[in-house]
């Protein structure tokens, strides 16, 4: 993932940590599988071993799949929060600048009627419009990049969960 995607992945992982359920569930299972793979255990054996460990503290296949689904829903909630935040950002940065630009264009029309007196004001306002257009363009581009980065990070994590559930179901089901 890109550096920007890493930032979003970290936000999503923090949300998962903040919403971590009590006890041994999907997140602890996932960490256990990863640790076993780090020491050289193959994926399927790591799944079986992690499940064996978790089952000693009440983990069941049903609980594992159910909590994986819960964490997927946590991620979807984070997407909703992200979208609301991005919408507010666009409203304040893009819409506000667009309104400002529109008002300046009206002023320009009035100033041009008094060209002799207002030539300097017209030039100043046109420069401000150019600056606002550039800010609007930059804000839209950043919003698009943020949306893509968030969606990419969300897809990577959600895909990993789906793959884990498929592996868990295949191996333990």
Protein backbone atom coordinates (compact mmCIF):
# COMPACT_ATOMS: atom_id res chain seq x y z
CA UNK A 1 0.00 0.00 0.00
CA UNK A 2 1.06 3.61 -0.51
CA UNK A 3 2.03 5.82 2.40
CA UNK A 4 -1.44 7.43 2.23
CA UNK A 5 -3.09 3.99 2.20
CA UNK A 6 -0.95 3.00 5.21
CA UNK A 7 -2.33 6.01 7.06
CA UNK A 8 -5.89 4.85 6.35
CA UNK A 9 -5.03 1.24 7.21
CA UNK A 10 -3.66 2.45 10.57
CA UNK A 11 -6.89 4.37 11.23
CA UNK A 12 -8.94 1.27 10.38
CA UNK A 13 -6.76 -0.99 12.53
CA UNK A 14 -7.09 1.45 15.45
CA UNK A 15 -10.87 1.36 15.03
CA UNK A 16 -10.75 -2.44 15.19
CA UNK A 17 -8.62 -2.26 18.35
CA UNK A 18 -10.98 0.29 19.92
CA UNK A 19 -13.98 -1.95 19.18
CA UNK A 20 -12.20 -5.17 20.21
CA UNK A 21 -14.65 -7.51 21.91
CA UNK A 22 -13.81 -9.13 25.24
CA UNK A 23 -12.19 -12.55 25.15
CA UNK A 24 -10.57 -14.64 22.46
CA UNK A 25 -12.30 -13.87 19.16
CA UNK A 26 -11.40 -13.24 15.53
CA UNK A 27 -8.80 -10.51 16.27
CA UNK A 28 -6.92 -12.61 18.81
CA UNK A 29 -7.25 -15.64 16.53
CA UNK A 30 -5.81 -13.63 13.61
CA UNK A 31 -2.88 -12.44 15.74
CA UNK A 32 -2.24 -16.00 16.91
CA UNK A 33 -2.23 -17.33 13.32
CA UNK A 34 0.20 -14.58 12.28
CA UNK A 35 2.59 -15.35 15.15
CA UNK A 36 2.60 -19.04 14.30
CA UNK A 37 3.28 -18.30 10.64
CA UNK A 38 6.15 -16.02 11.70
CA UNK A 39 7.85 -19.00 13.32
CA UNK A 40 7.52 -21.02 10.12
CA UNK A 41 4.22 -22.84 10.56
CA UNK A 42 2.20 -23.29 7.35
CA UNK A 43 -1.10 -21.37 7.11
CA UNK A 44 -3.51 -24.30 7.57
CA UNK A 45 -1.58 -25.71 10.53
CA UNK A 46 -1.42 -22.22 12.06
CA UNK A 47 -5.22 -21.91 11.72
CA UNK A 48 -5.74 -25.28 13.41
CA UNK A 49 -3.27 -24.48 16.20
CA UNK A 50 -4.73 -21.03 16.84
CA UNK A 51 -8.23 -22.46 16.89
CA UNK A 52 -7.09 -25.19 19.27
CA UNK A 53 -5.65 -22.59 21.61
CA UNK A 54 -8.75 -20.41 21.36
CA UNK A 55 -11.11 -23.31 21.93
CA UNK A 56 -9.57 -23.82 25.38
CA UNK A 57 -11.03 -20.43 26.34
CA UNK A 58 -14.44 -20.88 24.69
CA UNK A 59 -13.77 -20.10 21.03
CA UNK A 60 -16.08 -21.88 18.61
CA UNK A 61 -16.21 -21.83 14.83
CA UNK A 62 -19.53 -19.98 15.07
CA UNK A 63 -18.05 -17.34 17.39
CA UNK A 64 -15.01 -16.97 15.14
CA UNK A 65 -17.10 -16.35 12.02
CA UNK A 66 -19.59 -14.14 13.92
CA UNK A 67 -16.85 -11.93 15.37
CA UNK A 68 -15.12 -11.67 11.97
CA UNK A 69 -18.45 -10.39 10.59
CA UNK A 70 -18.71 -7.95 13.53
CA UNK A 71 -15.27 -6.50 12.71
CA UNK A 72 -16.26 -6.16 9.05
CA UNK A 73 -19.26 -4.11 10.25
CA UNK A 74 -16.94 -1.98 12.40
CA UNK A 75 -14.95 -1.22 9.24
CA UNK A 76 -18.13 -0.28 7.37
CA UNK A 77 -19.06 2.09 10.23
CA UNK A 78 -15.62 3.68 9.84
CA UNK A 79 -16.30 4.14 6.14
CA UNK A 80 -19.55 5.97 6.99
CA UNK A 81 -17.70 8.23 9.42
CA UNK A 82 -15.02 8.86 6.80
CA UNK A 83 -17.59 9.73 4.14
CA UNK A 84 -19.39 12.15 6.52
CA UNK A 85 -16.09 13.81 7.41
CA UNK A 86 -15.09 14.09 3.77
CA UNK A 87 -18.48 15.59 2.88
CA UNK A 88 -18.10 18.22 5.62
CA UNK A 89 -14.58 18.95 4.38
CA UNK A 90 -15.83 19.40 0.83
CA UNK A 91 -18.71 21.58 1.98
CA UNK A 92 -16.43 23.89 3.92
CA UNK A 93 -13.54 23.99 1.46
CA UNK A 94 -15.07 23.53 -1.98
CA UNK A 95 -18.58 24.91 -1.59
CA UNK A 96 -17.38 27.88 0.43
CA UNK A 97 -14.76 28.74 -2.17
CA UNK A 98 -17.25 28.25 -5.01
CA UNK A 99 -19.68 30.63 -3.30
CA UNK A 100 -16.89 33.14 -2.75
CA UNK A 101 -15.95 32.87 -6.44
CA UNK A 102 -19.55 33.48 -7.51
CA UNK A 103 -19.83 36.56 -5.32
CA UNK A 104 -16.57 37.93 -6.68
CA UNK A 105 -17.76 37.48 -10.26
CA UNK A 106 -20.85 39.60 -9.45
CA UNK A 107 -18.62 42.27 -7.95
CA UNK A 108 -16.49 42.22 -11.09
CA UNK A 109 -19.58 42.89 -13.23
CA UNK A 110 -20.40 45.94 -11.09
CA UNK A 111 -16.82 47.16 -11.07
CA UNK A 112 -16.54 46.91 -14.83
CA UNK A 113 -19.42 49.43 -15.12
CA UNK A 114 -17.10 51.88 -13.36
CA UNK A 115 -13.95 50.88 -15.26
CA UNK A 116 -12.19 54.22 -14.81
CA UNK A 117 -12.42 54.09 -10.99
CA UNK A 118 -12.31 50.37 -10.34
CA UNK A 119 -9.67 48.93 -12.71
CA UNK A 120 -7.38 47.99 -9.81
CA UNK A 121 -10.22 46.31 -7.87
CA UNK A 122 -11.16 44.19 -10.90
CA UNK A 123 -7.61 42.89 -11.35
CA UNK A 124 -7.37 42.07 -7.64
CA UNK A 125 -10.67 40.17 -7.65
CA UNK A 126 -9.75 38.19 -10.79
CA UNK A 127 -6.52 37.09 -9.13
CA UNK A 128 -8.52 35.92 -6.11
CA UNK A 129 -10.86 33.93 -8.36
CA UNK A 130 -7.90 32.18 -9.98
CA UNK A 131 -6.57 31.32 -6.54
CA UNK A 132 -9.99 30.02 -5.42
CA UNK A 133 -10.33 27.89 -8.58
CA UNK A 134 -6.94 26.35 -7.87
CA UNK A 135 -7.92 25.67 -4.24
CA UNK A 136 -11.18 24.07 -5.42
CA UNK A 137 -9.30 21.89 -7.90
CA UNK A 138 -6.74 20.86 -5.27
CA UNK A 139 -9.43 20.09 -2.66
CA UNK A 140 -11.39 17.95 -5.13
CA UNK A 141 -8.25 16.10 -6.19
CA UNK A 142 -7.24 15.44 -2.57
CA UNK A 143 -10.75 14.24 -1.74
CA UNK A 144 -10.66 11.85 -4.69
CA UNK A 145 -7.24 10.56 -3.64
CA UNK A 146 -8.40 10.16 -0.03
CA UNK A 147 -11.51 8.29 -1.17
CA UNK A 148 -9.39 5.94 -3.31
CA UNK A 149 -6.84 5.45 -0.54
CA UNK A 150 -9.53 4.68 2.00
CA UNK A 151 -11.33 2.31 -0.39
CA UNK A 152 -8.03 0.54 -1.19
CA UNK A 153 -7.19 0.08 2.50
CA UNK A 154 -10.75 -1.02 3.26
CA UNK A 155 -10.65 -3.55 0.40
CA UNK A 156 -7.30 -5.00 1.53
CA UNK A 157 -8.46 -5.48 5.11
CA UNK A 158 -11.97 -6.68 4.21
CA UNK A 159 -10.55 -9.08 1.63
CA UNK A 160 -8.15 -10.46 4.24
CA UNK A 161 -11.06 -11.06 6.62
CA UNK A 162 -13.08 -12.78 3.88
CA UNK A 163 -10.09 -14.93 2.99
CA UNK A 164 -9.60 -15.80 6.66
CA UNK A 165 -13.25 -16.76 7.03
CA UNK A 166 -13.00 -18.94 3.91
CA UNK A 167 -9.82 -20.58 5.26
CA UNK A 168 -11.34 -21.01 8.71
CA UNK A 169 -14.52 -22.50 7.30
CA UNK A 170 -12.57 -24.77 4.93
CA UNK A 171 -10.12 -25.93 7.57
CA UNK A 172 -12.40 -26.11 10.60
CA UNK A 173 -15.87 -26.43 9.10
